[in-house]
Amino acid sequence: MKKIIHFIIISFLLLNVACESESETIESPLKDRSLNGVWIVKAYIENKELFGPFSIETQLTPENDSIIINDTKTFWGFQVKVETKNSNNTFETESSINELSKVGANINVMGGQIIGKDSIFFDMQFEDDENPFGITYQIKGHRK
């Protein structure tokens, strides 16, 4: 009888440890899909095409808490670090410095989302626009 009780206890402990190990290795959805890549996008204002197509590059930071978005100087000439929200596949930032701006202008990125595996969407506002932060540009496209 003691052997059966020991076997049940050991089995329970092993099962418990196995379940904990599995849950620790499951990564968030954004980390499962590589954010590193090139995207072909267009810029819109109020759903009217403004510019494009052009490419942007995204790269997940080593800390896995944000991405760098760079438009390769074809649309606005911006590069900005944007915080990721891994639990719901979104990213956004308020007043992050445009690393390519000569005057250190800020950028807002709102409602950023990876849709499916190969689509991207986000809204942007620029401090160095004619009306600072006054125009919202929708950026949307697909992975190259």
Protein backbone atom coordinates (compact mmCIF):
# COMPACT_ATOMS: atom_id res chain seq x y z
CA MET A 1 0.00 0.00 0.00
CA LYS A 2 2.86 2.37 0.81
CA LYS A 3 4.32 1.76 -2.64
CA ILE A 4 1.05 2.74 -4.29
CA ILE A 5 0.77 5.94 -2.24
CA HIS A 6 4.42 6.83 -3.03
CA PHE A 7 3.80 6.13 -6.72
CA ILE A 8 0.72 8.39 -6.73
CA ILE A 9 2.58 11.20 -4.94
CA ILE A 10 5.60 10.97 -7.27
CA SER A 11 3.33 10.84 -10.32
CA PHE A 12 1.45 13.90 -9.12
CA LEU A 13 4.68 15.84 -8.50
CA LEU A 14 6.12 14.90 -11.91
CA LEU A 15 2.90 15.88 -13.63
CA ASN A 16 2.83 19.18 -11.76
CA VAL A 17 6.45 19.97 -12.70
CA ALA A 18 5.82 19.03 -16.35
CA CYS A 19 2.83 21.37 -16.54
CA GLU A 20 4.79 24.25 -15.01
CA SER A 21 7.66 23.77 -17.46
CA GLU A 22 5.29 23.82 -20.42
CA SER A 23 3.59 27.04 -19.33
CA GLU A 24 6.94 28.77 -18.82
CA THR A 25 8.07 28.05 -22.38
CA ILE A 26 4.93 29.40 -24.04
CA GLU A 27 5.76 32.84 -25.42
CA SER A 28 3.41 35.69 -26.10
CA PRO A 29 1.85 36.00 -29.55
CA LEU A 30 4.10 38.84 -30.71
CA LYS A 31 7.23 36.93 -29.79
CA ASP A 32 5.97 33.86 -31.67
CA ARG A 33 5.59 35.89 -34.86
CA SER A 34 8.78 37.56 -35.85
CA LEU A 35 8.36 41.31 -35.95
CA ASN A 36 11.72 41.64 -37.64
CA GLY A 37 11.13 42.27 -41.28
CA VAL A 38 10.23 44.50 -44.15
CA TRP A 39 6.66 45.63 -44.79
CA ILE A 40 5.19 47.19 -47.93
CA VAL A 41 2.73 49.86 -46.77
CA LYS A 42 0.79 52.92 -47.88
CA ALA A 43 -0.01 56.08 -45.93
CA TYR A 44 -3.61 57.29 -45.73
CA ILE A 45 -5.44 60.27 -44.27
CA GLU A 46 -9.04 59.50 -43.36
CA ASN A 47 -8.86 56.34 -45.53
CA LYS A 48 -7.75 58.30 -48.62
CA GLU A 49 -4.42 57.16 -50.04
CA LEU A 50 -1.75 59.81 -49.55
CA PHE A 51 1.58 58.13 -50.31
CA GLY A 52 2.97 54.79 -51.30
CA PRO A 53 3.69 52.08 -51.60
CA PHE A 54 6.86 52.35 -49.56
CA SER A 55 8.73 50.04 -47.23
CA ILE A 56 9.18 50.15 -43.50
CA GLU A 57 11.41 47.94 -41.42
CA THR A 58 10.56 46.62 -37.97
CA GLN A 59 12.86 45.05 -35.45
CA LEU A 60 12.06 43.63 -32.04
CA THR A 61 14.42 45.01 -29.39
CA PRO A 62 16.59 42.59 -27.38
CA GLU A 63 14.41 43.23 -24.31
CA ASN A 64 11.31 42.04 -26.25
CA ASP A 65 9.33 44.99 -24.87
CA SER A 66 9.33 47.23 -27.93
CA ILE A 67 10.00 47.42 -31.64
CA ILE A 68 11.94 49.88 -33.76
CA ILE A 69 9.99 51.13 -36.80
CA ASN A 70 12.01 52.74 -39.60
CA ASP A 71 10.56 54.06 -42.85
CA THR A 72 13.96 53.89 -44.60
CA LYS A 73 13.64 57.64 -45.29
CA THR A 74 11.04 57.18 -48.02
CA PHE A 75 7.90 58.63 -46.40
CA TRP A 76 8.73 60.94 -43.51
CA GLY A 77 12.23 59.94 -42.57
CA PHE A 78 11.42 58.44 -39.18
CA GLN A 79 12.76 55.84 -36.84
CA VAL A 80 10.98 55.38 -33.55
CA LYS A 81 10.96 52.94 -30.64
CA VAL A 82 7.43 51.73 -29.89
CA GLU A 83 6.28 49.78 -26.83
CA THR A 84 4.69 46.39 -27.54
CA LYS A 85 1.60 45.07 -25.81
CA ASN A 86 2.31 41.36 -26.19
CA SER A 87 -0.92 40.13 -24.69
CA ASN A 88 -3.05 41.48 -27.53
CA ASN A 89 -0.63 41.90 -30.49
CA THR A 90 -0.61 45.69 -30.33
CA PHE A 91 2.01 48.40 -30.06
CA GLU A 92 1.91 52.13 -29.39
CA THR A 93 3.88 55.03 -28.01
CA GLU A 94 3.24 58.61 -27.03
CA SER A 95 5.81 61.29 -27.78
CA SER A 96 8.77 59.09 -28.66
CA ILE A 97 11.69 60.84 -30.29
CA ASN A 98 12.13 60.45 -34.01
CA GLU A 99 15.73 59.25 -34.08
CA LEU A 100 16.15 60.53 -37.65
CA SER A 101 14.81 64.04 -36.97
CA LYS A 102 17.39 66.83 -37.03
CA VAL A 103 15.33 68.77 -34.47
CA GLY A 104 14.47 65.82 -32.20
CA ALA A 105 10.76 65.92 -33.05
CA ASN A 106 8.43 63.48 -31.35
CA ILE A 107 6.08 60.91 -32.88
CA ASN A 108 2.90 59.34 -31.59
CA VAL A 109 2.05 55.80 -32.73
CA MET A 110 -1.46 54.66 -31.87
CA GLY A 111 -3.46 51.50 -32.42
CA GLY A 112 -0.58 49.53 -33.90
CA GLN A 113 -1.43 45.93 -34.58
CA ILE A 114 -0.15 42.86 -36.36
CA ILE A 115 -3.19 41.34 -38.08
CA GLY A 116 -2.87 37.67 -38.88
CA LYS A 117 0.70 36.76 -39.78
CA ASP A 118 1.44 39.21 -42.55
CA SER A 119 -0.50 42.48 -42.15
CA ILE A 120 0.39 45.60 -40.19
CA PHE A 121 -1.62 48.69 -39.26
CA PHE A 122 -0.92 51.75 -37.12
CA ASP A 123 -1.79 55.45 -36.85
CA MET A 124 0.93 58.11 -36.59
CA GLN A 125 1.16 61.77 -35.69
CA PHE A 126 4.28 63.93 -36.10
CA GLU A 127 5.35 66.88 -33.98
CA ASP A 128 7.22 68.37 -36.96
CA ASP A 129 4.10 68.35 -39.16
CA GLU A 130 2.59 71.69 -40.33
CA ASN A 131 0.14 71.42 -37.45
CA PRO A 132 2.08 69.53 -34.71
CA PHE A 133 0.29 66.24 -33.93
CA GLY A 134 -2.72 67.62 -35.86
CA ILE A 135 -2.87 65.09 -38.68
CA THR A 136 -3.29 61.36 -38.14
CA TYR A 137 -1.70 59.20 -40.81
CA GLN A 138 -2.87 55.61 -41.15
CA ILE A 139 -0.09 53.24 -42.18
CA LYS A 140 -1.22 49.86 -43.44
CA GLY A 141 0.21 47.08 -45.54
CA HIS A 142 1.67 43.60 -45.66
CA ARG A 143 4.92 41.75 -45.09
CA LYS A 144 7.26 41.77 -48.08
